[in-house]
Amino acid sequence: GISGPDGATKKKPLGLVYIGIANNKTSTVKKYIFDYDRNIHREVTSNTALNIVRLMLENKFTKETEK
């Protein structure tokens, strides 16, 4: 991903991040674009990834919940 403040391209805009997760039943990678400054971008990305882990541990994570 690209947290900024620079380094963006047309294919990789500022705020781009991919979060991937897998267990023995499923795996997925989700693309997000969080349009925040660098520090907030890192915090939002971390919180999103941790929430996905929480959902998976609670057996509430499905392909539908990731959308």
N, C-alpha and C. Protein backbone atom coordinates (compact mmCIF):
# COMPACT_ATOMS: atom_id res chain seq x y z
N GLY A 1 0.81 -1.19 0.00
CA GLY A 1 0.00 0.00 0.00
C GLY A 1 0.86 1.25 0.00
N ILE A 2 0.19 2.37 -0.05
CA ILE A 2 0.86 3.67 -0.08
C ILE A 2 0.26 4.55 1.02
N SER A 3 1.03 4.75 2.09
CA SER A 3 0.55 5.59 3.19
C SER A 3 0.81 7.07 2.94
N GLY A 4 1.70 7.39 2.05
CA GLY A 4 2.00 8.77 1.75
C GLY A 4 3.11 9.31 2.63
N PRO A 5 3.43 10.53 2.53
CA PRO A 5 2.70 11.58 1.83
C PRO A 5 2.94 11.61 0.33
N ASP A 6 3.93 10.84 -0.16
CA ASP A 6 4.15 10.80 -1.59
C ASP A 6 4.38 9.35 -2.01
N GLY A 7 4.65 9.13 -3.27
CA GLY A 7 4.88 7.80 -3.79
C GLY A 7 3.71 7.23 -4.55
N ALA A 8 2.65 8.00 -4.67
CA ALA A 8 1.45 7.52 -5.36
C ALA A 8 1.65 7.47 -6.87
N THR A 9 0.94 6.54 -7.51
CA THR A 9 0.87 6.47 -8.96
C THR A 9 -0.60 6.27 -9.32
N LYS A 10 -0.91 6.23 -10.60
CA LYS A 10 -2.29 5.98 -11.01
C LYS A 10 -2.76 4.60 -10.55
N LYS A 11 -1.87 3.62 -10.60
CA LYS A 11 -2.23 2.27 -10.18
C LYS A 11 -2.19 2.09 -8.67
N LYS A 12 -1.42 2.93 -7.99
CA LYS A 12 -1.30 2.86 -6.53
C LYS A 12 -1.54 4.24 -5.93
N PRO A 13 -2.81 4.60 -5.72
CA PRO A 13 -3.11 5.92 -5.16
C PRO A 13 -2.76 6.00 -3.68
N LEU A 14 -2.60 7.22 -3.20
CA LEU A 14 -2.38 7.40 -1.77
C LEU A 14 -3.55 6.79 -1.00
N GLY A 15 -3.24 6.13 0.08
CA GLY A 15 -4.26 5.50 0.91
C GLY A 15 -4.51 4.04 0.58
N LEU A 16 -3.90 3.53 -0.48
CA LEU A 16 -4.11 2.15 -0.90
C LEU A 16 -3.50 1.19 0.12
N VAL A 17 -4.26 0.16 0.45
CA VAL A 17 -3.75 -0.90 1.32
C VAL A 17 -4.51 -2.18 0.99
N TYR A 18 -3.83 -3.30 1.10
CA TYR A 18 -4.46 -4.61 0.96
C TYR A 18 -4.36 -5.32 2.30
N ILE A 19 -5.46 -5.93 2.73
CA ILE A 19 -5.47 -6.71 3.96
C ILE A 19 -5.87 -8.13 3.59
N GLY A 20 -5.03 -9.08 3.95
CA GLY A 20 -5.31 -10.47 3.66
C GLY A 20 -5.44 -11.27 4.95
N ILE A 21 -6.30 -12.29 4.91
CA ILE A 21 -6.49 -13.15 6.08
C ILE A 21 -6.85 -14.55 5.59
N ALA A 22 -6.44 -15.54 6.36
CA ALA A 22 -6.74 -16.92 5.99
C ALA A 22 -6.88 -17.78 7.24
N ASN A 23 -7.70 -18.80 7.14
CA ASN A 23 -7.75 -19.85 8.14
C ASN A 23 -7.93 -21.16 7.39
N ASN A 24 -8.29 -22.23 8.09
CA ASN A 24 -8.41 -23.51 7.41
C ASN A 24 -9.68 -23.63 6.56
N LYS A 25 -10.58 -22.66 6.65
CA LYS A 25 -11.83 -22.69 5.88
C LYS A 25 -11.86 -21.71 4.72
N THR A 26 -11.18 -20.57 4.86
CA THR A 26 -11.29 -19.53 3.85
C THR A 26 -10.03 -18.67 3.83
N SER A 27 -9.84 -18.00 2.75
CA SER A 27 -8.79 -16.97 2.66
C SER A 27 -9.30 -15.88 1.74
N THR A 28 -8.87 -14.68 2.02
CA THR A 28 -9.30 -13.56 1.20
C THR A 28 -8.32 -12.41 1.32
N VAL A 29 -8.31 -11.59 0.30
CA VAL A 29 -7.56 -10.34 0.30
C VAL A 29 -8.52 -9.25 -0.12
N LYS A 30 -8.54 -8.18 0.62
CA LYS A 30 -9.46 -7.07 0.34
C LYS A 30 -8.64 -5.80 0.10
N LYS A 31 -9.02 -5.07 -0.92
CA LYS A 31 -8.37 -3.81 -1.26
C LYS A 31 -9.16 -2.66 -0.62
N TYR A 32 -8.46 -1.77 0.04
CA TYR A 32 -9.07 -0.59 0.63
C TYR A 32 -8.31 0.65 0.18
N ILE A 33 -8.99 1.76 0.12
CA ILE A 33 -8.34 3.06 -0.06
C ILE A 33 -8.84 3.95 1.07
N PHE A 34 -7.98 4.16 2.05
CA PHE A 34 -8.28 5.02 3.18
C PHE A 34 -7.60 6.37 2.94
N ASP A 35 -8.37 7.38 2.67
CA ASP A 35 -7.84 8.69 2.29
C ASP A 35 -7.62 9.56 3.52
N TYR A 36 -6.55 9.25 4.25
CA TYR A 36 -6.19 10.00 5.46
C TYR A 36 -4.70 10.31 5.42
N ASP A 37 -4.25 11.16 6.35
CA ASP A 37 -2.81 11.39 6.41
C ASP A 37 -2.11 10.12 6.89
N ARG A 38 -0.81 10.08 6.78
CA ARG A 38 -0.01 8.87 7.02
C ARG A 38 -0.30 8.20 8.37
N ASN A 39 -0.30 8.97 9.45
CA ASN A 39 -0.50 8.38 10.78
C ASN A 39 -1.90 7.82 10.94
N ILE A 40 -2.91 8.56 10.52
CA ILE A 40 -4.29 8.08 10.62
C ILE A 40 -4.48 6.87 9.70
N HIS A 41 -3.87 6.92 8.52
CA HIS A 41 -3.95 5.80 7.58
C HIS A 41 -3.47 4.51 8.24
N ARG A 42 -2.35 4.57 8.92
CA ARG A 42 -1.82 3.38 9.60
C ARG A 42 -2.75 2.90 10.70
N GLU A 43 -3.33 3.83 11.44
CA GLU A 43 -4.24 3.47 12.52
C GLU A 43 -5.52 2.82 11.98
N VAL A 44 -6.10 3.42 10.95
CA VAL A 44 -7.32 2.87 10.36
C VAL A 44 -7.05 1.49 9.75
N THR A 45 -5.92 1.35 9.09
CA THR A 45 -5.55 0.05 8.51
C THR A 45 -5.41 -1.01 9.59
N SER A 46 -4.71 -0.68 10.67
CA SER A 46 -4.53 -1.62 11.78
C SER A 46 -5.86 -2.01 12.40
N ASN A 47 -6.71 -1.02 12.65
CA ASN A 47 -8.01 -1.30 13.26
C ASN A 47 -8.88 -2.17 12.35
N THR A 48 -8.82 -1.91 11.06
CA THR A 48 -9.59 -2.72 10.11
C THR A 48 -9.10 -4.16 10.10
N ALA A 49 -7.79 -4.35 10.07
CA ALA A 49 -7.22 -5.70 10.07
C ALA A 49 -7.58 -6.43 11.36
N LEU A 50 -7.47 -5.76 12.49
CA LEU A 50 -7.82 -6.39 13.77
C LEU A 50 -9.30 -6.73 13.83
N ASN A 51 -10.15 -5.89 13.27
CA ASN A 51 -11.58 -6.18 13.26
C ASN A 51 -11.87 -7.42 12.40
N ILE A 52 -11.19 -7.56 11.29
CA ILE A 52 -11.36 -8.75 10.46
C ILE A 52 -10.93 -10.00 11.22
N VAL A 53 -9.82 -9.92 11.95
CA VAL A 53 -9.37 -11.05 12.78
C VAL A 53 -10.43 -11.37 13.83
N ARG A 54 -10.96 -10.34 14.49
CA ARG A 54 -12.00 -10.54 15.51
C ARG A 54 -13.20 -11.26 14.91
N LEU A 55 -13.67 -10.79 13.77
CA LEU A 55 -14.81 -11.41 13.12
C LEU A 55 -14.53 -12.88 12.77
N MET A 56 -13.32 -13.15 12.31
CA MET A 56 -12.98 -14.52 11.96
C MET A 56 -12.95 -15.40 13.21
N LEU A 57 -12.39 -14.89 14.30
CA LEU A 57 -12.34 -15.67 15.54
C LEU A 57 -13.73 -15.93 16.11
N GLU A 58 -14.65 -15.02 15.89
CA GLU A 58 -16.02 -15.19 16.35
C GLU A 58 -16.88 -15.94 15.34
N ASN A 59 -16.24 -16.47 14.31
CA ASN A 59 -16.94 -17.19 13.24
C ASN A 59 -18.01 -16.33 12.58
N LYS A 60 -17.78 -15.04 12.53
CA LYS A 60 -18.72 -14.12 11.89
C LYS A 60 -18.17 -13.57 10.58
N PHE A 61 -16.95 -13.96 10.23
CA PHE A 61 -16.33 -13.48 9.01
C PHE A 61 -16.71 -14.39 7.86
N THR A 62 -17.32 -13.82 6.85
CA THR A 62 -17.65 -14.56 5.63
C THR A 62 -17.31 -13.69 4.45
N LYS A 63 -17.41 -14.22 3.28
CA LYS A 63 -17.18 -13.43 2.08
C LYS A 63 -18.14 -12.24 2.01
N GLU A 64 -19.34 -12.39 2.58
CA GLU A 64 -20.32 -11.31 2.56
C GLU A 64 -19.95 -10.19 3.53
N THR A 65 -19.36 -10.52 4.69
CA THR A 65 -19.04 -9.48 5.67
C THR A 65 -17.84 -8.65 5.25
N GLU A 66 -17.03 -9.15 4.34
CA GLU A 66 -15.85 -8.39 3.94
C GLU A 66 -16.17 -7.27 2.95
N LYS A 67 -17.36 -7.25 2.40
CA LYS A 67 -17.67 -6.25 1.38
C LYS A 67 -17.91 -4.90 1.99
